[in-house]
Amino acid sequence: MKGFAQRPKTVREVAKQSSSLEEFGLLLREWIHEVTRGDISNRPALKRAIDEAPRKLKNKFNEGEVADAYLSAYAEWIADQAGVERPPWVQKKSVCLESPWFSDNARSSLLIDTPASFRQRGVFTIPENVVRLRRGRPRVSPEQKREKARIRDQRYRAKIREKLKKFKELEQAGLI
């Protein structure tokens, strides 16, 4: 298996980088790690992470239809957990399995505990809860902070120049 260039930030990137069901599982775990511990800490960021439709994996590798159904179910489930609108691409019937797929041999418990978004697609598993929204402002990168500071500094300097210009005009008019 090849090494990953970078951790996927969206479900679309998970599908794009996957070339086998095993690799899909590893990339999905990497994406979950990105969501739970990375920069995705608010509803808009979470929505962006699931909004773009991933490429179909059905014809890309063996059991690709399982990966398609799993990804669709996971995106719908996350949207429901976060209280955001479901992405339109998850509504397609082409992402439902013809015969059920079970993540392990505990079939009876999976039949009971699997969330509806997975069950209706024929995928029986217990997904990891990735919705951990934080209160307050979303995290920003150091580059974003520097850019904001640069813009704020430009505005401040422009205000000072304007005040100095008015002061000089008042001084020249003899009002000061």
C-alpha atoms as a PDB file:
ATOM      1  CA  MET A   1       0.000   0.000   0.000  1.00  0.00           C
ATOM      2  CA  LYS A   2       1.287   3.442  -0.878  1.00  0.00           C
ATOM      3  CA  GLY A   3       1.821   6.163   1.715  1.00  0.00           C
ATOM      4  CA  PHE A   4      -0.726   8.963   1.850  1.00  0.00           C
ATOM      5  CA  ALA A   5       0.374  12.317   0.479  1.00  0.00           C
ATOM      6  CA  GLN A   6      -1.723  14.120   3.070  1.00  0.00           C
ATOM      7  CA  ARG A   7      -4.576  13.355   5.427  1.00  0.00           C
ATOM      8  CA  PRO A   8      -7.932  13.736   3.608  1.00  0.00           C
ATOM      9  CA  LYS A   9      -9.997  16.737   4.720  1.00  0.00           C
ATOM     10  CA  THR A  10     -13.232  15.851   2.888  1.00  0.00           C
ATOM     11  CA  VAL A  11     -15.149  12.693   1.987  1.00  0.00           C
ATOM     12  CA  ARG A  12     -14.360  13.508  -1.638  1.00  0.00           C
ATOM     13  CA  GLU A  13     -10.632  13.280  -0.883  1.00  0.00           C
ATOM     14  CA  VAL A  14     -11.158   9.940   0.909  1.00  0.00           C
ATOM     15  CA  ALA A  15     -12.708   8.482  -2.253  1.00  0.00           C
ATOM     16  CA  LYS A  16     -10.165  10.112  -4.553  1.00  0.00           C
ATOM     17  CA  GLN A  17      -7.182   8.602  -2.712  1.00  0.00           C
ATOM     18  CA  SER A  18      -8.723   5.111  -2.249  1.00  0.00           C
ATOM     19  CA  SER A  19      -7.629   2.258  -4.487  1.00  0.00           C
ATOM     20  CA  SER A  20      -8.865  -0.709  -2.401  1.00  0.00           C
ATOM     21  CA  LEU A  21     -11.414  -1.395   0.324  1.00  0.00           C
ATOM     22  CA  GLU A  22      -8.599  -1.758   2.857  1.00  0.00           C
ATOM     23  CA  GLU A  23      -7.087   1.569   1.811  1.00  0.00           C
ATOM     24  CA  PHE A  24     -10.547   3.146   1.920  1.00  0.00           C
ATOM     25  CA  GLY A  25     -10.897   2.028   5.544  1.00  0.00           C
ATOM     26  CA  LEU A  26      -7.515   3.499   6.455  1.00  0.00           C
ATOM     27  CA  LEU A  27      -8.253   6.768   4.681  1.00  0.00           C
ATOM     28  CA  LEU A  28     -11.644   6.979   6.367  1.00  0.00           C
ATOM     29  CA  ARG A  29      -9.900   6.566   9.748  1.00  0.00           C
ATOM     30  CA  GLU A  30      -7.463   9.336   8.772  1.00  0.00           C
ATOM     31  CA  TRP A  31     -10.381  11.573   7.796  1.00  0.00           C
ATOM     32  CA  ILE A  32     -12.142  10.833  11.099  1.00  0.00           C
ATOM     33  CA  HIS A  33      -8.919  11.797  12.879  1.00  0.00           C
ATOM     34  CA  GLU A  34      -8.839  15.050  10.892  1.00  0.00           C
ATOM     35  CA  VAL A  35     -12.451  15.816  11.813  1.00  0.00           C
ATOM     36  CA  THR A  36     -12.174  14.994  15.520  1.00  0.00           C
ATOM     37  CA  ARG A  37      -8.728  16.419  16.216  1.00  0.00           C
ATOM     38  CA  GLY A  38      -8.108  18.769  13.334  1.00  0.00           C
ATOM     39  CA  ASP A  39      -9.535  21.992  12.058  1.00  0.00           C
ATOM     40  CA  ILE A  40     -13.175  20.915  11.709  1.00  0.00           C
ATOM     41  CA  SER A  41     -14.813  22.295  14.829  1.00  0.00           C
ATOM     42  CA  ASN A  42     -17.992  24.032  13.671  1.00  0.00           C
ATOM     43  CA  ARG A  43     -21.052  23.287  11.540  1.00  0.00           C
ATOM     44  CA  PRO A  44     -19.975  25.187   8.392  1.00  0.00           C
ATOM     45  CA  ALA A  45     -16.587  23.419   8.365  1.00  0.00           C
ATOM     46  CA  LEU A  46     -18.252  20.051   8.932  1.00  0.00           C
ATOM     47  CA  LYS A  47     -20.724  20.745   6.131  1.00  0.00           C
ATOM     48  CA  ARG A  48     -17.849  21.629   3.767  1.00  0.00           C
ATOM     49  CA  ALA A  49     -16.141  18.335   4.686  1.00  0.00           C
ATOM     50  CA  ILE A  50     -19.143  16.264   3.548  1.00  0.00           C
ATOM     51  CA  ASP A  51     -20.797  18.490   0.931  1.00  0.00           C
ATOM     52  CA  GLU A  52     -18.921  17.597  -2.262  1.00  0.00           C
ATOM     53  CA  ALA A  53     -19.936  14.344  -3.872  1.00  0.00           C
ATOM     54  CA  PRO A  54     -17.111  11.800  -3.890  1.00  0.00           C
ATOM     55  CA  ARG A  55     -16.233   9.889  -7.034  1.00  0.00           C
ATOM     56  CA  LYS A  56     -17.821   6.463  -7.348  1.00  0.00           C
ATOM     57  CA  LEU A  57     -15.633   3.609  -6.163  1.00  0.00           C
ATOM     58  CA  LYS A  58     -17.882   0.829  -7.472  1.00  0.00           C
ATOM     59  CA  ASN A  59     -15.838   0.335 -10.640  1.00  0.00           C
ATOM     60  CA  LYS A  60     -12.510   1.442  -9.187  1.00  0.00           C
ATOM     61  CA  PHE A  61     -11.814  -1.607  -6.978  1.00  0.00           C
ATOM     62  CA  ASN A  62     -13.328  -4.841  -5.683  1.00  0.00           C
ATOM     63  CA  GLU A  63     -16.123  -4.116  -3.168  1.00  0.00           C
ATOM     64  CA  GLY A  64     -16.093  -0.456  -4.163  1.00  0.00           C
ATOM     65  CA  GLU A  65     -19.891  -0.413  -3.898  1.00  0.00           C
ATOM     66  CA  VAL A  66     -19.493  -1.112  -0.144  1.00  0.00           C
ATOM     67  CA  ALA A  67     -17.220   1.932   0.147  1.00  0.00           C
ATOM     68  CA  ASP A  68     -19.741   4.057  -1.803  1.00  0.00           C
ATOM     69  CA  ALA A  69     -22.622   3.012   0.454  1.00  0.00           C
ATOM     70  CA  TYR A  70     -20.517   3.419   3.602  1.00  0.00           C
ATOM     71  CA  LEU A  71     -19.354   6.906   2.648  1.00  0.00           C
ATOM     72  CA  SER A  72     -22.884   7.983   1.751  1.00  0.00           C
ATOM     73  CA  ALA A  73     -24.309   6.624   5.003  1.00  0.00           C
ATOM     74  CA  TYR A  74     -21.528   8.203   7.045  1.00  0.00           C
ATOM     75  CA  ALA A  75     -22.022  11.636   5.460  1.00  0.00           C
ATOM     76  CA  GLU A  76     -25.784  11.485   6.059  1.00  0.00           C
ATOM     77  CA  TRP A  77     -25.321  10.298   9.635  1.00  0.00           C
ATOM     78  CA  ILE A  78     -22.801  13.073  10.385  1.00  0.00           C
ATOM     79  CA  ALA A  79     -25.124  15.703   8.907  1.00  0.00           C
ATOM     80  CA  ASP A  80     -27.954  14.459  11.127  1.00  0.00           C
ATOM     81  CA  GLN A  81     -25.702  14.384  14.209  1.00  0.00           C
ATOM     82  CA  ALA A  82     -24.467  17.944  13.584  1.00  0.00           C
ATOM     83  CA  GLY A  83     -27.859  19.349  12.651  1.00  0.00           C
ATOM     84  CA  VAL A  84     -26.775  20.473   9.183  1.00  0.00           C
ATOM     85  CA  GLU A  85     -28.509  19.906   5.872  1.00  0.00           C
ATOM     86  CA  ARG A  86     -27.780  16.523   4.289  1.00  0.00           C
ATOM     87  CA  PRO A  87     -25.676  16.737   1.138  1.00  0.00           C
ATOM     88  CA  PRO A  88     -27.780  16.137  -2.010  1.00  0.00           C
ATOM     89  CA  TRP A  89     -25.493  13.331  -3.242  1.00  0.00           C
ATOM     90  CA  VAL A  90     -26.427  11.028  -0.327  1.00  0.00           C
ATOM     91  CA  GLN A  91     -30.041  10.761  -1.539  1.00  0.00           C
ATOM     92  CA  LYS A  92     -29.121   8.732  -4.620  1.00  0.00           C
ATOM     93  CA  LYS A  93     -30.331   5.129  -4.657  1.00  0.00           C
ATOM     94  CA  SER A  94     -27.175   4.027  -6.490  1.00  0.00           C
ATOM     95  CA  VAL A  95     -25.340   4.088  -3.159  1.00  0.00           C
ATOM     96  CA  CYS A  96     -27.441   1.268  -1.665  1.00  0.00           C
ATOM     97  CA  LEU A  97     -26.149  -2.293  -1.560  1.00  0.00           C
ATOM     98  CA  GLU A  98     -28.091  -5.152  -3.136  1.00  0.00           C
ATOM     99  CA  SER A  99     -27.105  -7.546  -0.336  1.00  0.00           C
ATOM    100  CA  PRO A 100     -26.208  -6.549   3.240  1.00  0.00           C
ATOM    101  CA  TRP A 101     -22.610  -6.018   4.327  1.00  0.00           C
ATOM    102  CA  PHE A 102     -21.549  -6.541   7.964  1.00  0.00           C
ATOM    103  CA  SER A 103     -18.416  -4.977   9.446  1.00  0.00           C
ATOM    104  CA  ASP A 104     -17.824  -7.955  11.756  1.00  0.00           C
ATOM    105  CA  ASN A 105     -19.337 -11.281  12.828  1.00  0.00           C
ATOM    106  CA  ALA A 106     -21.543  -9.859  15.597  1.00  0.00           C
ATOM    107  CA  ARG A 107     -24.453  -9.708  13.181  1.00  0.00           C
ATOM    108  CA  SER A 108     -27.259  -9.805  15.746  1.00  0.00           C
ATOM    109  CA  SER A 109     -25.921  -6.779  17.656  1.00  0.00           C
ATOM    110  CA  LEU A 110     -25.194  -4.933  14.400  1.00  0.00           C
ATOM    111  CA  LEU A 111     -28.786  -5.520  13.238  1.00  0.00           C
ATOM    112  CA  ILE A 112     -29.965  -3.743  16.387  1.00  0.00           C
ATOM    113  CA  ASP A 113     -27.321  -1.031  16.903  1.00  0.00           C
ATOM    114  CA  THR A 114     -26.643   0.153  13.346  1.00  0.00           C
ATOM    115  CA  PRO A 115     -27.995   3.693  12.719  1.00  0.00           C
ATOM    116  CA  ALA A 116     -30.797   4.067  10.159  1.00  0.00           C
ATOM    117  CA  SER A 117     -28.684   5.902   7.570  1.00  0.00           C
ATOM    118  CA  PHE A 118     -26.422   2.827   7.384  1.00  0.00           C
ATOM    119  CA  ARG A 119     -29.187   0.203   7.651  1.00  0.00           C
ATOM    120  CA  GLN A 120     -31.178   1.638   4.737  1.00  0.00           C
ATOM    121  CA  ARG A 121     -28.097   1.284   2.512  1.00  0.00           C
ATOM    122  CA  GLY A 122     -27.417  -2.313   3.594  1.00  0.00           C
ATOM    123  CA  VAL A 123     -24.310  -1.431   5.614  1.00  0.00           C
ATOM    124  CA  PHE A 124     -24.322  -2.840   9.133  1.00  0.00           C
ATOM    125  CA  THR A 125     -21.735  -1.224  11.365  1.00  0.00           C
ATOM    126  CA  ILE A 126     -21.461   1.058  14.357  1.00  0.00           C
ATOM    127  CA  PRO A 127     -19.847   4.300  13.177  1.00  0.00           C
ATOM    128  CA  GLU A 128     -17.510   6.379  15.259  1.00  0.00           C
ATOM    129  CA  ASN A 129     -19.119   9.624  16.374  1.00  0.00           C
ATOM    130  CA  VAL A 130     -17.086  12.416  14.819  1.00  0.00           C
ATOM    131  CA  VAL A 131     -19.342  15.345  15.654  1.00  0.00           C
ATOM    132  CA  ARG A 132     -17.553  17.277  18.388  1.00  0.00           C
ATOM    133  CA  LEU A 133     -18.522  20.858  17.810  1.00  0.00           C
ATOM    134  CA  ARG A 134     -16.801  23.407  20.010  1.00  0.00           C
ATOM    135  CA  ARG A 135     -18.192  26.637  21.334  1.00  0.00           C
ATOM    136  CA  GLY A 136     -16.635  29.905  20.379  1.00  0.00           C
ATOM    137  CA  ARG A 137     -14.652  30.881  17.368  1.00  0.00           C
ATOM    138  CA  PRO A 138     -13.395  28.250  14.964  1.00  0.00           C
ATOM    139  CA  ARG A 139      -9.693  27.502  14.886  1.00  0.00           C
ATOM    140  CA  VAL A 140      -7.651  29.438  12.361  1.00  0.00           C
ATOM    141  CA  SER A 141      -4.216  28.741  10.953  1.00  0.00           C
ATOM    142  CA  PRO A 142      -1.195  30.946  11.704  1.00  0.00           C
ATOM    143  CA  GLU A 143      -1.306  32.154   8.071  1.00  0.00           C
ATOM    144  CA  GLN A 144      -4.919  33.286   8.496  1.00  0.00           C
ATOM    145  CA  LYS A 145      -4.009  35.087  11.725  1.00  0.00           C
ATOM    146  CA  ARG A 146      -1.096  36.889  10.042  1.00  0.00           C
ATOM    147  CA  GLU A 147      -3.288  37.925   7.108  1.00  0.00           C
ATOM    148  CA  LYS A 148      -5.978  39.264   9.447  1.00  0.00           C
ATOM    149  CA  ALA A 149      -3.362  41.192  11.436  1.00  0.00           C
ATOM    150  CA  ARG A 150      -1.894  42.629   8.221  1.00  0.00           C
ATOM    151  CA  ILE A 151      -5.305  43.855   7.056  1.00  0.00           C
ATOM    152  CA  ARG A 152      -6.123  45.259  10.503  1.00  0.00           C
ATOM    153  CA  ASP A 153      -2.756  47.102  10.522  1.00  0.00           C
ATOM    154  CA  GLN A 154      -3.449  48.554   7.051  1.00  0.00           C
ATOM    155  CA  ARG A 155      -6.844  49.865   8.215  1.00  0.00           C
ATOM    156  CA  TYR A 156      -5.276  51.380  11.340  1.00  0.00           C
ATOM    157  CA  ARG A 157      -2.537  53.110   9.342  1.00  0.00           C
ATOM    158  CA  ALA A 158      -5.094  54.474   6.848  1.00  0.00           C
ATOM    159  CA  LYS A 159      -7.139  55.914   9.738  1.00  0.00           C
ATOM    160  CA  ILE A 160      -4.068  57.589  11.217  1.00  0.00           C
ATOM    161  CA  ARG A 161      -3.110  59.073   7.819  1.00  0.00           C
ATOM    162  CA  GLU A 162      -6.676  60.441   7.427  1.00  0.00           C
ATOM    163  CA  LYS A 163      -6.574  62.021  10.897  1.00  0.00           C
ATOM    164  CA  LEU A 164      -3.175  63.573  10.209  1.00  0.00           C
ATOM    165  CA  LYS A 165      -4.449  64.959   6.901  1.00  0.00           C
ATOM    166  CA  LYS A 166      -7.460  66.567   8.640  1.00  0.00           C
ATOM    167  CA  PHE A 167      -5.218  67.924  11.388  1.00  0.00           C
ATOM    168  CA  LYS A 168      -2.893  69.544   8.819  1.00  0.00           C
ATOM    169  CA  GLU A 169      -5.884  71.050   6.972  1.00  0.00           C
ATOM    170  CA  LEU A 170      -7.181  72.545  10.233  1.00  0.00           C
ATOM    171  CA  GLU A 171      -3.700  73.793  11.057  1.00  0.00           C
ATOM    172  CA  GLN A 172      -3.316  75.443   7.614  1.00  0.00           C
ATOM    173  CA  ALA A 173      -6.725  77.062   7.940  1.00  0.00           C
ATOM    174  CA  GLY A 174      -5.565  78.574  11.242  1.00  0.00           C
ATOM    175  CA  LEU A 175      -8.239  76.843  13.301  1.00  0.00           C
ATOM    176  CA  ILE A 176      -5.689  75.210  15.581  1.00  0.00           C
END
